[in-house]
C-alpha cells in the first residue's frame, strides 16, 4: 500500500475556501489580522499553519475547526519527515536474547 503526500493545509485553504468564495488574499489577510505576506506564505506552502493561525481560521470561517487545521498540518509534516527518515540516523533497539 502506497501512502500519498497529504496536501499542505495552505493548498486546502486556497482551493476549498478562498477560491470558491472568490475572496482576495488581501481581504482574507485583513480578516485574519495577519499580513498579506504571512497568508501568502501559508497558501503557497512555504509556511506551516501554526496553532494561532488555525484559531484565526476557525474564528473567521467557522469550520473547519482549529483542531482540524492542525491535524492537516501534522499529517503533512509527518509525511514529509518520513520521506527523509534515514537522515535521522537512528535504529531500533535490538531484542535482548535470554
PDB file of N, CA and C in Angstrom:
ATOM      1  N   UNK A   1       0.836  -1.175   0.000  1.00  0.00           N
ATOM      2  CA  UNK A   1       0.000   0.000   0.000  1.00  0.00           C
ATOM      3  C   UNK A   1       0.885   1.244   0.000  1.00  0.00           C
ATOM      4  N   UNK A   2       0.647   2.123  -0.946  1.00  0.00           N
ATOM      5  CA  UNK A   2       1.408   3.355  -1.055  1.00  0.00           C
ATOM      6  C   UNK A   2       0.620   4.489  -0.424  1.00  0.00           C
ATOM      7  N   UNK A   3       1.281   5.200   0.460  1.00  0.00           N
ATOM      8  CA  UNK A   3       0.643   6.342   1.097  1.00  0.00           C
ATOM      9  C   UNK A   3       1.108   7.591   0.350  1.00  0.00           C
ATOM     10  N   UNK A   4       0.163   8.394  -0.056  1.00  0.00           N
ATOM     11  CA  UNK A   4       0.484   9.599  -0.808  1.00  0.00           C
ATOM     12  C   UNK A   4       0.750  10.777   0.117  1.00  0.00           C
ATOM     13  N   UNK A   5       1.309  11.789  -0.484  1.00  0.00           N
ATOM     14  CA  UNK A   5       1.629  13.001   0.256  1.00  0.00           C
ATOM     15  C   UNK A   5       0.343  13.745   0.604  1.00  0.00           C
ATOM     16  N   UNK A   6       0.032  13.895   1.896  1.00  0.00           N
ATOM     17  CA  UNK A   6      -1.145  14.686   2.265  1.00  0.00           C
ATOM     18  C   UNK A   6      -0.955  16.138   1.825  1.00  0.00           C
ATOM     19  N   UNK A   7      -1.999  16.731   1.343  1.00  0.00           N
ATOM     20  CA  UNK A   7      -1.930  18.126   0.888  1.00  0.00           C
ATOM     21  C   UNK A   7      -1.540  19.043   2.035  1.00  0.00           C
ATOM     22  N   UNK A   8      -0.780  20.060   1.701  1.00  0.00           N
ATOM     23  CA  UNK A   8      -0.460  21.107   2.671  1.00  0.00           C
ATOM     24  C   UNK A   8      -1.769  21.846   2.973  1.00  0.00           C
ATOM     25  N   UNK A   9      -2.032  22.169   4.231  1.00  0.00           N
ATOM     26  CA  UNK A   9      -3.290  22.847   4.555  1.00  0.00           C
ATOM     27  C   UNK A   9      -3.453  24.194   3.854  1.00  0.00           C
ATOM     28  N   UNK A  10      -2.365  24.823   3.468  1.00  0.00           N
ATOM     29  CA  UNK A  10      -2.455  26.077   2.713  1.00  0.00           C
ATOM     30  C   UNK A  10      -3.119  25.859   1.362  1.00  0.00           C
ATOM     31  N   UNK A  11      -2.807  24.723   0.724  1.00  0.00           N
ATOM     32  CA  UNK A  11      -3.453  24.382  -0.549  1.00  0.00           C
ATOM     33  C   UNK A  11      -4.949  24.187  -0.344  1.00  0.00           C
ATOM     34  N   UNK A  12      -5.301  23.504   0.736  1.00  0.00           N
ATOM     35  CA  UNK A  12      -6.709  23.240   1.041  1.00  0.00           C
ATOM     36  C   UNK A  12      -7.440  24.555   1.311  1.00  0.00           C
ATOM     37  N   UNK A  13      -6.831  25.424   2.091  1.00  0.00           N
ATOM     38  CA  UNK A  13      -7.419  26.724   2.383  1.00  0.00           C
ATOM     39  C   UNK A  13      -7.657  27.509   1.092  1.00  0.00           C
ATOM     40  N   UNK A  14      -6.673  27.503   0.234  1.00  0.00           N
ATOM     41  CA  UNK A  14      -6.771  28.253  -1.021  1.00  0.00           C
ATOM     42  C   UNK A  14      -7.838  27.669  -1.954  1.00  0.00           C
ATOM     43  N   UNK A  15      -7.779  26.342  -2.167  1.00  0.00           N
ATOM     44  CA  UNK A  15      -8.637  25.705  -3.163  1.00  0.00           C
ATOM     45  C   UNK A  15     -10.063  25.438  -2.689  1.00  0.00           C
ATOM     46  N   UNK A  16     -10.247  25.197  -1.402  1.00  0.00           N
ATOM     47  CA  UNK A  16     -11.579  24.833  -0.915  1.00  0.00           C
ATOM     48  C   UNK A  16     -12.297  25.934  -0.137  1.00  0.00           C
ATOM     49  N   UNK A  17     -11.570  26.996   0.202  1.00  0.00           N
ATOM     50  CA  UNK A  17     -12.207  28.071   0.966  1.00  0.00           C
ATOM     51  C   UNK A  17     -12.107  29.399   0.217  1.00  0.00           C
ATOM     52  N   UNK A  18     -10.903  29.860  -0.017  1.00  0.00           N
ATOM     53  CA  UNK A  18     -10.706  31.199  -0.574  1.00  0.00           C
ATOM     54  C   UNK A  18     -11.207  31.314  -2.014  1.00  0.00           C
ATOM     55  N   UNK A  19     -10.786  30.378  -2.871  1.00  0.00           N
ATOM     56  CA  UNK A  19     -11.191  30.457  -4.279  1.00  0.00           C
ATOM     57  C   UNK A  19     -12.698  30.283  -4.474  1.00  0.00           C
ATOM     58  N   UNK A  20     -13.339  29.266  -3.858  1.00  0.00           N
ATOM     59  CA  UNK A  20     -14.785  29.121  -4.052  1.00  0.00           C
ATOM     60  C   UNK A  20     -15.592  30.334  -3.570  1.00  0.00           C
ATOM     61  N   UNK A  21     -15.113  30.998  -2.532  1.00  0.00           N
ATOM     62  CA  UNK A  21     -15.808  32.180  -2.016  1.00  0.00           C
ATOM     63  C   UNK A  21     -15.410  33.451  -2.771  1.00  0.00           C
ATOM     64  N   UNK A  22     -14.492  33.314  -3.718  1.00  0.00           N
ATOM     65  CA  UNK A  22     -13.990  34.423  -4.537  1.00  0.00           C
ATOM     66  C   UNK A  22     -13.464  35.572  -3.675  1.00  0.00           C
ATOM     67  N   UNK A  23     -12.693  35.183  -2.655  1.00  0.00           N
ATOM     68  CA  UNK A  23     -12.091  36.164  -1.764  1.00  0.00           C
ATOM     69  C   UNK A  23     -10.690  36.510  -2.256  1.00  0.00           C
ATOM     70  N   UNK A  24     -10.225  37.684  -1.911  1.00  0.00           N
ATOM     71  CA  UNK A  24      -8.855  38.050  -2.251  1.00  0.00           C
ATOM     72  C   UNK A  24      -7.945  37.745  -1.063  1.00  0.00           C
ATOM     73  N   UNK A  25      -6.694  37.524  -1.356  1.00  0.00           N
ATOM     74  CA  UNK A  25      -5.723  37.265  -0.295  1.00  0.00           C
ATOM     75  C   UNK A  25      -5.641  38.477   0.635  1.00  0.00           C
ATOM     76  N   UNK A  26      -5.701  39.650   0.063  1.00  0.00           N
ATOM     77  CA  UNK A  26      -5.635  40.875   0.862  1.00  0.00           C
ATOM     78  C   UNK A  26      -6.801  40.955   1.833  1.00  0.00           C
ATOM     79  N   UNK A  27      -8.015  40.646   1.357  1.00  0.00           N
ATOM     80  CA  UNK A  27      -9.192  40.703   2.212  1.00  0.00           C
ATOM     81  C   UNK A  27      -9.142  39.641   3.308  1.00  0.00           C
ATOM     82  N   UNK A  28      -8.750  38.424   2.945  1.00  0.00           N
ATOM     83  CA  UNK A  28      -8.672  37.347   3.941  1.00  0.00           C
ATOM     84  C   UNK A  28      -7.612  37.682   4.985  1.00  0.00           C
ATOM     85  N   UNK A  29      -6.474  38.186   4.546  1.00  0.00           N
ATOM     86  CA  UNK A  29      -5.415  38.564   5.492  1.00  0.00           C
ATOM     87  C   UNK A  29      -5.917  39.625   6.465  1.00  0.00           C
ATOM     88  N   UNK A  30      -6.678  40.585   5.959  1.00  0.00           N
ATOM     89  CA  UNK A  30      -7.225  41.637   6.833  1.00  0.00           C
ATOM     90  C   UNK A  30      -8.194  41.032   7.853  1.00  0.00           C
ATOM     91  N   UNK A  31      -9.042  40.121   7.417  1.00  0.00           N
ATOM     92  CA  UNK A  31      -9.984  39.486   8.342  1.00  0.00           C
ATOM     93  C   UNK A  31      -9.266  38.625   9.383  1.00  0.00           C
ATOM     94  N   UNK A  32      -8.173  38.013   8.980  1.00  0.00           N
ATOM     95  CA  UNK A  32      -7.387  37.187   9.908  1.00  0.00           C
ATOM     96  C   UNK A  32      -6.485  38.033  10.796  1.00  0.00           C
ATOM     97  N   UNK A  33      -6.344  39.305  10.456  1.00  0.00           N
ATOM     98  CA  UNK A  33      -5.443  40.226  11.153  1.00  0.00           C
ATOM     99  C   UNK A  33      -3.995  39.744  11.088  1.00  0.00           C
ATOM    100  N   UNK A  34      -3.600  39.332   9.873  1.00  0.00           N
ATOM    101  CA  UNK A  34      -2.211  38.965   9.588  1.00  0.00           C
ATOM    102  C   UNK A  34      -1.791  39.706   8.322  1.00  0.00           C
ATOM    103  N   UNK A  35      -0.510  39.769   8.083  1.00  0.00           N
ATOM    104  CA  UNK A  35      -0.048  40.446   6.869  1.00  0.00           C
ATOM    105  C   UNK A  35      -0.377  39.601   5.641  1.00  0.00           C
ATOM    106  N   UNK A  36      -0.477  40.261   4.513  1.00  0.00           N
ATOM    107  CA  UNK A  36      -0.716  39.560   3.252  1.00  0.00           C
ATOM    108  C   UNK A  36       0.439  38.595   2.982  1.00  0.00           C
ATOM    109  N   UNK A  37       1.639  39.017   3.326  1.00  0.00           N
ATOM    110  CA  UNK A  37       2.834  38.181   3.121  1.00  0.00           C
ATOM    111  C   UNK A  37       2.739  36.894   3.947  1.00  0.00           C
ATOM    112  N   UNK A  38       2.299  36.996   5.193  1.00  0.00           N
ATOM    113  CA  UNK A  38       2.158  35.828   6.064  1.00  0.00           C
ATOM    114  C   UNK A  38       1.161  34.844   5.476  1.00  0.00           C
ATOM    115  N   UNK A  39       0.001  35.342   5.068  1.00  0.00           N
ATOM    116  CA  UNK A  39      -1.018  34.468   4.490  1.00  0.00           C
ATOM    117  C   UNK A  39      -0.532  33.862   3.178  1.00  0.00           C
ATOM    118  N   UNK A  40       0.125  34.649   2.375  1.00  0.00           N
ATOM    119  CA  UNK A  40       0.638  34.161   1.097  1.00  0.00           C
ATOM    120  C   UNK A  40       1.623  33.011   1.290  1.00  0.00           C
ATOM    121  N   UNK A  41       2.475  33.106   2.299  1.00  0.00           N
ATOM    122  CA  UNK A  41       3.422  32.028   2.590  1.00  0.00           C
ATOM    123  C   UNK A  41       2.693  30.734   2.922  1.00  0.00           C
ATOM    124  N   UNK A  42       1.621  30.823   3.688  1.00  0.00           N
ATOM    125  CA  UNK A  42       0.827  29.630   4.028  1.00  0.00           C
ATOM    126  C   UNK A  42       0.177  29.069   2.768  1.00  0.00           C
ATOM    127  N   UNK A  43      -0.456  29.928   1.991  1.00  0.00           N
ATOM    128  CA  UNK A  43      -1.171  29.487   0.798  1.00  0.00           C
ATOM    129  C   UNK A  43      -0.244  28.868  -0.245  1.00  0.00           C
ATOM    130  N   UNK A  44       0.997  29.324  -0.269  1.00  0.00           N
ATOM    131  CA  UNK A  44       1.974  28.807  -1.230  1.00  0.00           C
ATOM    132  C   UNK A  44       2.860  27.723  -0.630  1.00  0.00           C
ATOM    133  N   UNK A  45       2.442  27.184   0.515  1.00  0.00           N
ATOM    134  CA  UNK A  45       3.106  26.050   1.173  1.00  0.00           C
ATOM    135  C   UNK A  45       4.542  26.345   1.588  1.00  0.00           C
ATOM    136  N   UNK A  46       4.825  27.592   1.862  1.00  0.00           N
ATOM    137  CA  UNK A  46       6.155  27.960   2.331  1.00  0.00           C
ATOM    138  C   UNK A  46       6.181  28.199   3.835  1.00  0.00           C
ATOM    139  N   UNK A  47       5.007  28.128   4.468  1.00  0.00           N
ATOM    140  CA  UNK A  47       4.907  28.275   5.920  1.00  0.00           C
ATOM    141  C   UNK A  47       3.816  27.333   6.421  1.00  0.00           C
ATOM    142  N   UNK A  48       3.983  26.880   7.638  1.00  0.00           N
ATOM    143  CA  UNK A  48       3.021  25.978   8.263  1.00  0.00           C
ATOM    144  C   UNK A  48       1.886  26.764   8.907  1.00  0.00           C
ATOM    145  N   UNK A  49       0.789  26.069   9.123  1.00  0.00           N
ATOM    146  CA  UNK A  49      -0.303  26.662   9.887  1.00  0.00           C
ATOM    147  C   UNK A  49      -0.001  26.433  11.359  1.00  0.00           C
ATOM    148  N   UNK A  50       0.211  27.512  12.071  1.00  0.00           N
ATOM    149  CA  UNK A  50       0.517  27.459  13.498  1.00  0.00           C
ATOM    150  C   UNK A  50      -0.789  27.328  14.289  1.00  0.00           C
ATOM    151  N   UNK A  51      -0.694  26.984  15.567  1.00  0.00           N
ATOM    152  CA  UNK A  51      -1.912  26.955  16.383  1.00  0.00           C
ATOM    153  C   UNK A  51      -2.647  28.306  16.362  1.00  0.00           C
ATOM    154  N   UNK A  52      -1.906  29.390  16.377  1.00  0.00           N
ATOM    155  CA  UNK A  52      -2.537  30.712  16.336  1.00  0.00           C
ATOM    156  C   UNK A  52      -3.274  30.928  15.016  1.00  0.00           C
ATOM    157  N   UNK A  53      -2.627  30.580  13.907  1.00  0.00           N
ATOM    158  CA  UNK A  53      -3.275  30.738  12.601  1.00  0.00           C
ATOM    159  C   UNK A  53      -4.489  29.825  12.501  1.00  0.00           C
ATOM    160  N   UNK A  54      -4.383  28.609  13.021  1.00  0.00           N
ATOM    161  CA  UNK A  54      -5.513  27.678  12.999  1.00  0.00           C
ATOM    162  C   UNK A  54      -6.711  28.268  13.741  1.00  0.00           C
ATOM    163  N   UNK A  55      -6.461  28.885  14.872  1.00  0.00           N
ATOM    164  CA  UNK A  55      -7.549  29.502  15.632  1.00  0.00           C
ATOM    165  C   UNK A  55      -8.116  30.714  14.895  1.00  0.00           C
ATOM    166  N   UNK A  56      -7.259  31.489  14.269  1.00  0.00           N
ATOM    167  CA  UNK A  56      -7.732  32.621  13.473  1.00  0.00           C
ATOM    168  C   UNK A  56      -8.662  32.130  12.360  1.00  0.00           C
ATOM    169  N   UNK A  57      -8.267  31.050  11.692  1.00  0.00           N
ATOM    170  CA  UNK A  57      -9.094  30.495  10.617  1.00  0.00           C
ATOM    171  C   UNK A  57     -10.445  30.029  11.147  1.00  0.00           C
ATOM    172  N   UNK A  58     -10.416  29.366  12.303  1.00  0.00           N
ATOM    173  CA  UNK A  58     -11.670  28.913  12.915  1.00  0.00           C
ATOM    174  C   UNK A  58     -12.576  30.095  13.246  1.00  0.00           C
ATOM    175  N   UNK A  59     -12.001  31.146  13.804  1.00  0.00           N
ATOM    176  CA  UNK A  59     -12.792  32.310  14.199  1.00  0.00           C
ATOM    177  C   UNK A  59     -13.363  33.054  12.989  1.00  0.00           C
ATOM    178  N   UNK A  60     -12.626  33.098  11.896  1.00  0.00           N
ATOM    179  CA  UNK A  60     -13.076  33.820  10.707  1.00  0.00           C
ATOM    180  C   UNK A  60     -14.052  33.000   9.867  1.00  0.00           C
ATOM    181  N   UNK A  61     -13.746  31.712   9.660  1.00  0.00           N
ATOM    182  CA  UNK A  61     -14.553  30.896   8.757  1.00  0.00           C
ATOM    183  C   UNK A  61     -15.511  29.941   9.471  1.00  0.00           C
ATOM    184  N   UNK A  62     -15.349  29.761  10.758  1.00  0.00           N
ATOM    185  CA  UNK A  62     -16.228  28.864  11.497  1.00  0.00           C
ATOM    186  C   UNK A  62     -15.794  27.417  11.409  1.00  0.00           C
ATOM    187  N   UNK A  63     -15.846  26.865  10.233  1.00  0.00           N
ATOM    188  CA  UNK A  63     -15.437  25.482  10.017  1.00  0.00           C
ATOM    189  C   UNK A  63     -14.445  25.462   8.868  1.00  0.00           C
ATOM    190  N   UNK A  64     -13.506  24.544   8.873  1.00  0.00           N
ATOM    191  CA  UNK A  64     -13.248  23.556   9.907  1.00  0.00           C
ATOM    192  C   UNK A  64     -12.639  24.175  11.162  1.00  0.00           C
ATOM    193  N   UNK A  65     -12.588  23.368  12.186  1.00  0.00           N
ATOM    194  CA  UNK A  65     -12.078  23.826  13.479  1.00  0.00           C
ATOM    195  C   UNK A  65     -10.563  24.004  13.447  1.00  0.00           C
ATOM    196  N   UNK A  66     -10.067  24.704  14.439  1.00  0.00           N
ATOM    197  CA  UNK A  66      -8.618  24.867  14.593  1.00  0.00           C
ATOM    198  C   UNK A  66      -7.950  23.502  14.717  1.00  0.00           C
ATOM    199  N   UNK A  67      -8.591  22.590  15.452  1.00  0.00           N
ATOM    200  CA  UNK A  67      -8.048  21.241  15.603  1.00  0.00           C
ATOM    201  C   UNK A  67      -7.862  20.568  14.247  1.00  0.00           C
ATOM    202  N   UNK A  68      -8.834  20.751  13.374  1.00  0.00           N
ATOM    203  CA  UNK A  68      -8.762  20.128  12.049  1.00  0.00           C
ATOM    204  C   UNK A  68      -7.595  20.693  11.241  1.00  0.00           C
ATOM    205  N   UNK A  69      -7.439  22.017  11.257  1.00  0.00           N
ATOM    206  CA  UNK A  69      -6.310  22.627  10.528  1.00  0.00           C
ATOM    207  C   UNK A  69      -4.979  22.094  11.041  1.00  0.00           C
ATOM    208  N   UNK A  70      -4.875  21.935  12.362  1.00  0.00           N
ATOM    209  CA  UNK A  70      -3.622  21.436  12.938  1.00  0.00           C
ATOM    210  C   UNK A  70      -3.396  19.964  12.601  1.00  0.00           C
ATOM    211  N   UNK A  71      -4.461  19.177  12.540  1.00  0.00           N
ATOM    212  CA  UNK A  71      -4.318  17.771  12.134  1.00  0.00           C
ATOM    213  C   UNK A  71      -3.849  17.675  10.692  1.00  0.00           C
ATOM    214  N   UNK A  72      -4.368  18.536   9.824  1.00  0.00           N
ATOM    215  CA  UNK A  72      -3.918  18.558   8.431  1.00  0.00           C
ATOM    216  C   UNK A  72      -2.432  18.910   8.352  1.00  0.00           C
ATOM    217  N   UNK A  73      -2.031  19.918   9.135  1.00  0.00           N
ATOM    218  CA  UNK A  73      -0.627  20.330   9.127  1.00  0.00           C
ATOM    219  C   UNK A  73       0.264  19.218   9.657  1.00  0.00           C
ATOM    220  N   UNK A  74      -0.168  18.577  10.739  1.00  0.00           N
ATOM    221  CA  UNK A  74       0.610  17.499  11.336  1.00  0.00           C
ATOM    222  C   UNK A  74       0.768  16.322  10.369  1.00  0.00           C
ATOM    223  N   UNK A  75      -0.300  15.954   9.679  1.00  0.00           N
ATOM    224  CA  UNK A  75      -0.240  14.845   8.723  1.00  0.00           C
ATOM    225  C   UNK A  75       0.744  15.170   7.604  1.00  0.00           C
ATOM    226  N   UNK A  76       0.704  16.391   7.124  1.00  0.00           N
ATOM    227  CA  UNK A  76       1.630  16.816   6.061  1.00  0.00           C
ATOM    228  C   UNK A  76       3.070  16.799   6.564  1.00  0.00           C
ATOM    229  N   UNK A  77       3.301  17.377   7.731  1.00  0.00           N
ATOM    230  CA  UNK A  77       4.656  17.452   8.293  1.00  0.00           C
ATOM    231  C   UNK A  77       5.231  16.063   8.559  1.00  0.00           C
ATOM    232  N   UNK A  78       4.419  15.171   9.121  1.00  0.00           N
ATOM    233  CA  UNK A  78       4.893  13.829   9.412  1.00  0.00           C
ATOM    234  C   UNK A  78       5.232  13.075   8.136  1.00  0.00           C
ATOM    235  N   UNK A  79       4.399  13.208   7.109  1.00  0.00           N
ATOM    236  CA  UNK A  79       4.684  12.550   5.831  1.00  0.00           C
ATOM    237  C   UNK A  79       6.011  13.051   5.270  1.00  0.00           C
ATOM    238  N   UNK A  80       6.205  14.381   5.304  1.00  0.00           N
ATOM    239  CA  UNK A  80       7.450  14.967   4.782  1.00  0.00           C
ATOM    240  C   UNK A  80       8.658  14.458   5.573  1.00  0.00           C
ATOM    241  N   UNK A  81       8.531  14.369   6.880  1.00  0.00           N
ATOM    242  CA  UNK A  81       9.630  13.894   7.711  1.00  0.00           C
ATOM    243  C   UNK A  81       9.943  12.435   7.416  1.00  0.00           C
ATOM    244  N   UNK A  82       8.914  11.631   7.208  1.00  0.00           N
ATOM    245  CA  UNK A  82       9.125  10.211   6.893  1.00  0.00           C
ATOM    246  C   UNK A  82       9.874  10.027   5.576  1.00  0.00           C
ATOM    247  N   UNK A  83       9.752  10.973   4.671  1.00  0.00           N
ATOM    248  CA  UNK A  83      10.449  10.856   3.394  1.00  0.00           C
ATOM    249  C   UNK A  83      11.967  10.958   3.574  1.00  0.00           C
ATOM    250  N   UNK A  84      12.394  11.520   4.687  1.00  0.00           N
ATOM    251  CA  UNK A  84      13.821  11.705   4.970  1.00  0.00           C
ATOM    252  C   UNK A  84      14.230  11.028   6.270  1.00  0.00           C
ATOM    253  N   UNK A  85      13.549   9.940   6.641  1.00  0.00           N
ATOM    254  CA  UNK A  85      13.818   9.322   7.938  1.00  0.00           C
ATOM    255  C   UNK A  85      15.236   8.778   8.066  1.00  0.00           C
ATOM    256  N   UNK A  86      15.881   8.422   6.956  1.00  0.00           N
ATOM    257  CA  UNK A  86      17.256   7.918   7.043  1.00  0.00           C
ATOM    258  C   UNK A  86      18.209   8.994   7.554  1.00  0.00           C
ATOM    259  N   UNK A  87      17.876  10.254   7.328  1.00  0.00           N
ATOM    260  CA  UNK A  87      18.710  11.355   7.806  1.00  0.00           C
ATOM    261  C   UNK A  87      18.667  11.493   9.324  1.00  0.00           C
ATOM    262  N   UNK A  88      17.699  10.850   9.965  1.00  0.00           N
ATOM    263  CA  UNK A  88      17.602  10.913  11.424  1.00  0.00           C
ATOM    264  C   UNK A  88      18.688  10.089  12.107  1.00  0.00           C
ATOM    265  N   UNK A  89      19.246   9.126  11.373  1.00  0.00           N
ATOM    266  CA  UNK A  89      20.362   8.328  11.855  1.00  0.00           C
ATOM    267  C   UNK A  89      20.052   7.616  13.172  1.00  0.00           C
ATOM    268  N   UNK A  90      18.888   6.968  13.222  1.00  0.00           N
ATOM    269  CA  UNK A  90      18.524   6.188  14.402  1.00  0.00           C
ATOM    270  C   UNK A  90      18.167   4.774  13.972  1.00  0.00           C
ATOM    271  N   UNK A  91      18.324   3.843  14.895  1.00  0.00           N
ATOM    272  CA  UNK A  91      17.970   2.448  14.629  1.00  0.00           C
ATOM    273  C   UNK A  91      17.197   1.924  15.830  1.00  0.00           C
ATOM    274  N   UNK A  92      16.334   0.932  15.597  1.00  0.00           N
ATOM    275  CA  UNK A  92      15.570   0.366  16.712  1.00  0.00           C
ATOM    276  C   UNK A  92      16.481  -0.419  17.654  1.00  0.00           C
ATOM    277  N   UNK A  93      16.037  -0.546  18.897  1.00  0.00           N
ATOM    278  CA  UNK A  93      16.756  -1.413  19.840  1.00  0.00           C
ATOM    279  C   UNK A  93      16.681  -2.847  19.339  1.00  0.00           C
ATOM    280  N   UNK A  94      17.756  -3.566  19.533  1.00  0.00           N
ATOM    281  CA  UNK A  94      17.767  -4.990  19.201  1.00  0.00           C
ATOM    282  C   UNK A  94      17.140  -5.746  20.366  1.00  0.00           C
ATOM    283  N   UNK A  95      16.360  -6.767  20.063  1.00  0.00           N
ATOM    284  CA  UNK A  95      15.742  -7.556  21.125  1.00  0.00           C
ATOM    285  C   UNK A  95      16.854  -8.273  21.918  1.00  0.00           C
ATOM    286  N   UNK A  96      16.710  -8.288  23.231  1.00  0.00           N
ATOM    287  CA  UNK A  96      17.684  -8.972  24.084  1.00  0.00           C
ATOM    288  C   UNK A  96      17.411 -10.476  24.051  1.00  0.00           C
ATOM    289  N   UNK A  97      18.460 -11.255  23.893  1.00  0.00           N
ATOM    290  CA  UNK A  97      18.321 -12.714  23.880  1.00  0.00           C
ATOM    291  C   UNK A  97      18.597 -13.224  25.286  1.00  0.00           C
ATOM    292  N   UNK A  98      17.649 -13.993  25.849  1.00  0.00           N
ATOM    293  CA  UNK A  98      17.790 -14.502  27.226  1.00  0.00           C
ATOM    294  C   UNK A  98      18.678 -15.709  27.300  1.00  0.00           C
TER     295      UNK A  98
END
